[in-house]
Protein backbone atom coordinates (compact mmCIF):
# COMPACT_ATOMS: atom_id res chain seq x y z
CA MET A 1 2.51 36.72 -110.05
CA LYS A 2 1.97 36.78 -106.28
CA LEU A 3 -1.07 38.72 -105.17
CA PHE A 4 -0.80 41.09 -102.22
CA ASN A 5 -3.25 40.36 -99.42
CA SER A 6 -4.40 43.71 -98.03
CA HIS A 7 -6.11 42.10 -95.05
CA ILE A 8 -4.04 42.25 -91.89
CA SER A 9 -5.16 40.33 -88.82
CA ILE A 10 -5.93 42.40 -85.71
CA ASN A 11 -3.20 40.42 -83.95
CA HIS A 12 -0.69 42.13 -86.24
CA TRP A 13 -2.02 45.65 -85.71
CA ALA A 14 -0.15 48.13 -83.55
CA GLU A 15 -1.19 47.42 -79.97
CA GLU A 16 -2.76 50.88 -79.51
CA ASP A 17 -5.03 50.20 -82.52
CA ARG A 18 -6.45 46.90 -81.25
CA PRO A 19 -9.94 47.47 -79.81
CA ARG A 20 -9.42 45.73 -76.46
CA GLU A 21 -6.03 47.30 -75.83
CA LYS A 22 -7.32 50.67 -77.00
CA LEU A 23 -10.18 50.50 -74.50
CA LEU A 24 -7.77 49.67 -71.69
CA THR A 25 -5.30 52.42 -72.51
CA GLN A 26 -7.53 55.19 -73.87
CA GLY A 27 -10.94 54.46 -72.36
CA ARG A 28 -14.23 53.29 -73.87
CA ARG A 29 -15.12 56.66 -75.40
CA ALA A 30 -12.04 56.52 -77.65
CA LEU A 31 -13.48 53.56 -79.58
CA SER A 32 -15.67 53.82 -82.66
CA ASP A 33 -18.97 51.93 -82.90
CA ALA A 34 -17.26 49.38 -85.14
CA GLU A 35 -14.44 48.84 -82.63
CA LEU A 36 -16.90 48.36 -79.76
CA MET A 37 -18.89 45.91 -81.84
CA ALA A 38 -15.69 44.06 -82.77
CA ILE A 39 -15.02 43.45 -79.07
CA LEU A 40 -18.46 41.85 -78.83
CA ILE A 41 -18.07 39.48 -81.77
CA GLY A 42 -14.47 38.66 -80.91
CA SER A 43 -13.25 37.53 -84.33
CA GLY A 44 -13.82 37.95 -88.04
CA SER A 45 -12.76 35.56 -90.77
CA ARG A 46 -9.65 34.71 -92.80
CA ASN A 47 -10.36 37.59 -95.17
CA GLU A 48 -11.87 40.13 -92.80
CA SER A 49 -11.03 41.30 -89.30
CA ALA A 50 -13.67 41.73 -86.60
CA VAL A 51 -13.45 45.51 -87.03
CA GLU A 52 -13.87 45.29 -90.80
CA LEU A 53 -16.83 42.95 -90.41
CA SER A 54 -18.39 45.34 -87.90
CA ARG A 55 -17.88 48.29 -90.23
CA ARG A 56 -19.59 46.39 -93.03
CA ILE A 57 -22.59 45.56 -90.89
CA LEU A 58 -22.89 49.13 -89.63
CA ASN A 59 -22.45 50.55 -93.15
CA GLN A 60 -25.33 48.44 -94.45
CA ASN A 61 -27.46 49.86 -91.64
CA GLU A 62 -26.48 53.46 -92.45
CA ASN A 63 -24.22 53.51 -89.36
CA ASP A 64 -27.39 53.87 -87.31
CA LEU A 65 -27.37 51.91 -84.04
CA ASN A 66 -31.15 52.25 -83.81
CA LYS A 67 -31.53 50.42 -87.13
CA LEU A 68 -28.98 47.84 -86.04
CA ALA A 69 -31.00 47.24 -82.88
CA MET A 70 -34.04 46.32 -84.96
CA LEU A 71 -32.29 43.41 -86.67
CA THR A 72 -33.16 39.86 -85.69
CA VAL A 73 -30.76 36.97 -85.16
CA GLU A 74 -31.67 35.75 -88.64
CA ASP A 75 -30.93 39.20 -90.14
CA LEU A 76 -27.49 39.34 -88.58
CA CYS A 77 -26.66 35.78 -89.60
CA GLU A 78 -27.02 36.81 -93.24
CA PHE A 79 -23.69 38.64 -92.91
CA ARG A 80 -20.78 36.37 -93.75
CA GLY A 81 -18.75 35.87 -90.57
CA ILE A 82 -21.71 36.23 -88.20
CA GLY A 83 -23.09 33.04 -86.71
CA GLN A 84 -25.90 32.60 -84.26
CA ALA A 85 -23.70 33.06 -81.17
CA LYS A 86 -22.26 36.36 -82.42
CA ALA A 87 -25.69 37.58 -83.50
CA ILE A 88 -27.13 36.84 -80.06
CA THR A 89 -24.23 38.67 -78.40
CA ILE A 90 -24.82 41.80 -80.50
CA ILE A 91 -28.57 41.77 -79.84
CA ALA A 92 -28.09 41.21 -76.10
CA ALA A 93 -25.64 44.14 -75.86
CA LEU A 94 -28.00 46.47 -77.72
CA GLU A 95 -30.90 45.38 -75.52
CA ILE A 96 -28.91 46.18 -72.36
CA GLY A 97 -28.21 49.63 -73.82
CA ARG A 98 -31.90 50.12 -74.55
CA ARG A 99 -32.93 49.11 -71.03
CA ARG A 100 -30.34 51.42 -69.49
CA LYS A 101 -31.69 54.32 -71.54
CA TYR A 102 -35.14 53.89 -70.02
CA THR A 103 -34.08 53.07 -66.48
CA PRO A 104 -34.42 56.11 -64.20
CA GLU A 105 -31.33 56.83 -62.14
CA THR A 106 -31.96 55.98 -58.52
CA ALA A 107 -31.24 58.87 -56.21
CA LYS A 108 -28.30 57.95 -53.99
CA LYS A 109 -28.77 58.33 -50.26
CA GLN A 110 -27.15 61.34 -48.68
CA ILE A 111 -25.31 61.24 -45.36
CA GLY A 112 -26.31 64.16 -43.18
CA CYS A 113 -25.74 62.72 -39.71
CA SER A 114 -24.51 59.62 -37.90
CA GLU A 115 -28.00 58.11 -37.88
CA ASP A 116 -28.06 58.15 -41.70
CA ALA A 117 -24.82 56.14 -41.76
CA PHE A 118 -26.17 53.80 -39.08
CA GLU A 119 -29.30 53.03 -41.13
CA ILE A 120 -27.21 52.29 -44.23
CA LEU A 121 -24.86 49.91 -42.41
CA ARG A 122 -27.00 48.29 -39.72
CA SER A 123 -27.96 45.33 -41.93
CA LYS A 124 -24.26 44.60 -42.54
CA TYR A 125 -23.68 44.00 -38.85
CA ALA A 126 -26.94 42.27 -37.95
CA ASP A 127 -26.42 39.04 -35.96
CA LEU A 128 -22.65 38.97 -36.47
CA ASN A 129 -20.60 37.07 -33.87
CA HIS A 130 -17.31 38.24 -35.33
CA GLU A 131 -15.84 41.67 -36.01
CA GLU A 132 -15.94 43.36 -39.41
CA ILE A 133 -14.90 46.74 -40.74
CA TRP A 134 -17.01 48.49 -43.37
CA VAL A 135 -16.56 51.86 -45.00
CA ILE A 136 -19.14 54.04 -46.71
CA LEU A 137 -17.77 55.85 -49.77
CA LEU A 138 -19.31 59.22 -50.60
CA ASN A 139 -19.06 61.81 -53.36
CA GLN A 140 -18.63 65.57 -53.03
CA ALA A 141 -22.30 65.99 -52.10
CA ASN A 142 -22.03 63.32 -49.37
CA ARG A 143 -24.14 60.93 -51.43
CA VAL A 144 -23.39 57.24 -51.00
CA GLN A 145 -21.42 55.66 -53.83
CA SER A 146 -21.11 52.24 -52.19
CA SER A 147 -20.33 50.38 -48.98
CA GLN A 148 -17.22 48.20 -48.96
CA LEU A 149 -16.02 45.47 -46.61
CA ILE A 150 -12.44 46.28 -45.57
CA SER A 151 -11.63 43.56 -43.06
CA LYS A 152 -13.12 40.54 -41.32
CA GLY A 153 -11.82 39.05 -38.07
CA GLY A 154 -12.85 37.06 -35.01
CA ARG A 155 -14.77 37.78 -31.84
CA ALA A 156 -11.80 39.54 -30.25
CA GLY A 157 -11.19 41.96 -33.11
CA THR A 158 -9.87 42.48 -36.60
CA VAL A 159 -6.98 44.31 -38.18
CA VAL A 160 -7.48 47.30 -40.44
CA ASP A 161 -4.79 48.69 -42.71
CA ALA A 162 -5.15 52.44 -43.36
CA LYS A 163 -3.59 51.91 -46.80
CA ILE A 164 -6.42 49.54 -47.78
CA VAL A 165 -9.04 52.02 -46.59
CA PHE A 166 -7.63 54.84 -48.70
CA GLU A 167 -6.84 52.55 -51.62
CA THR A 168 -10.53 51.58 -51.66
CA ALA A 169 -11.60 55.23 -51.45
CA LEU A 170 -9.29 56.26 -54.30
CA LYS A 171 -10.36 53.33 -56.47
CA HIS A 172 -14.00 54.43 -56.20
CA GLU A 173 -13.12 58.14 -56.50
CA ALA A 174 -14.67 58.92 -53.12
CA THR A 175 -14.16 62.39 -51.67
CA SER A 176 -15.19 61.42 -48.14
CA ILE A 177 -15.73 58.26 -46.11
CA VAL A 178 -17.46 56.96 -43.00
CA LEU A 179 -15.58 54.21 -41.20
CA SER A 180 -17.37 51.62 -39.08
CA HIS A 181 -16.82 48.41 -37.19
CA ASN A 182 -18.72 46.30 -34.68
CA HIS A 183 -18.10 45.02 -31.17
CA PRO A 184 -19.66 41.55 -30.85
CA SER A 185 -19.23 41.81 -27.07
CA GLY A 186 -21.91 44.52 -26.94
CA ASN A 187 -19.54 47.11 -25.46
CA LEU A 188 -19.85 50.38 -27.40
CA HIS A 189 -16.94 52.10 -25.66
CA PRO A 190 -14.06 52.71 -28.14
CA SER A 191 -10.77 51.03 -27.36
CA GLU A 192 -7.44 52.83 -27.44
CA GLN A 193 -6.80 51.07 -30.74
CA ASP A 194 -10.08 52.46 -32.12
CA ILE A 195 -9.13 55.97 -31.05
CA THR A 196 -5.63 55.71 -32.51
CA LEU A 197 -6.93 54.33 -35.80
CA THR A 198 -9.50 57.11 -36.12
CA LYS A 199 -6.92 59.83 -35.57
CA LYS A 200 -4.56 58.14 -38.03
CA LEU A 201 -7.22 57.99 -40.74
CA VAL A 202 -8.33 61.59 -40.20
CA GLU A 203 -4.74 62.83 -40.60
CA GLY A 204 -4.06 60.54 -43.56
CA GLY A 205 -7.24 61.69 -45.24
CA LYS A 206 -6.12 65.31 -45.06
CA LEU A 207 -3.02 64.46 -47.09
CA LEU A 208 -5.14 62.75 -49.77
CA ASP A 209 -7.96 65.31 -49.64
CA ILE A 210 -10.37 62.61 -48.47
CA ARG A 211 -12.52 63.61 -45.50
CA VAL A 212 -13.19 61.08 -42.75
CA LEU A 213 -16.64 62.20 -41.62
CA ASP A 214 -17.22 59.72 -38.82
CA HIS A 215 -16.30 56.40 -37.26
CA LEU A 216 -19.21 54.32 -35.98
CA ILE A 217 -19.02 51.41 -33.55
CA PHE A 218 -21.97 49.00 -33.86
CA SER A 219 -23.45 46.70 -31.24
CA ASN A 220 -26.84 45.09 -31.81
CA ASP A 221 -29.20 48.00 -32.56
CA ARG A 222 -27.04 50.67 -30.94
CA TYR A 223 -24.04 52.62 -32.12
CA TYR A 224 -21.32 54.99 -30.96
CA SER A 225 -20.37 57.94 -33.18
CA PHE A 226 -16.92 59.49 -32.86
CA SER A 227 -18.23 62.61 -34.57
CA ASP A 228 -21.25 63.01 -32.26
CA GLU A 229 -19.04 62.54 -29.21
CA GLY A 230 -16.48 65.10 -30.44
CA ASP A 231 -13.73 62.51 -30.78
CA MET A 232 -12.81 63.15 -34.41
C-alpha cells in the first residue's frame, strides 16, 4: 500500500501563498510571523517546509516573539532543520527589531526657506569641478525625506530629464521637491536652459500634484534661489 505524503514543498504551492512572492505582491504586513521567519531561514527539510518548521518553533515558544528572542543559538539548533547559520540569522533579525524599537526617531529637517535647502545641500557641491543635479524630496509638512543625485556631467553642464526627476519623487512618495545644480564656473546667473527647465518642472509638477518649491544654483559658498528672485 502506497502511503500519501501530506508534505508539499513550498515550490509547489500556489505562487500567492509562497512567503517571498506574497511579500512582493501583498506587502510585508500580509505575512504571518511564521511566513516572515520562513523567509529568514530559507528552507526546511525533506519532510517539512520552511513555513511548517517556523510554525513549529513559534508554537513551542507560545507564538511569543519576545520568548523567541530570548533563545540562544544552541536553543534554536535543537530544532530539527535548524543549523547554526539559520539560528544566527533568526537571532540577528530579532536583534535588529529590538534595536529599532529603542531607537528614537530622528526629527527630519524642515524646509522653510531657500537657506534651509542651501544648508542641506551645500556639502554635496563642495569642491566640485563638474556639474551635478540634486533634488531634495519632501513630505506634506515640507520635512526632508532624502536628497537624491539626478544627474552628473562635466564642467560645461549636465543634462536633466524631467521624467527622471518626477520618477524619483514618485518612487519616494514626495509631495514637493527642491531642485538644485551647481555652476563650477562660479557664475550664479541662471542660463536660459535653467529658466526653461524650471518652468517645465513647475508645470509638470502641477499635473502630478508635486510642488516644485525652489531651484537653487550653487557656486562655492553662494547660491541663487529662483523662488527668492521671483522666477518660479
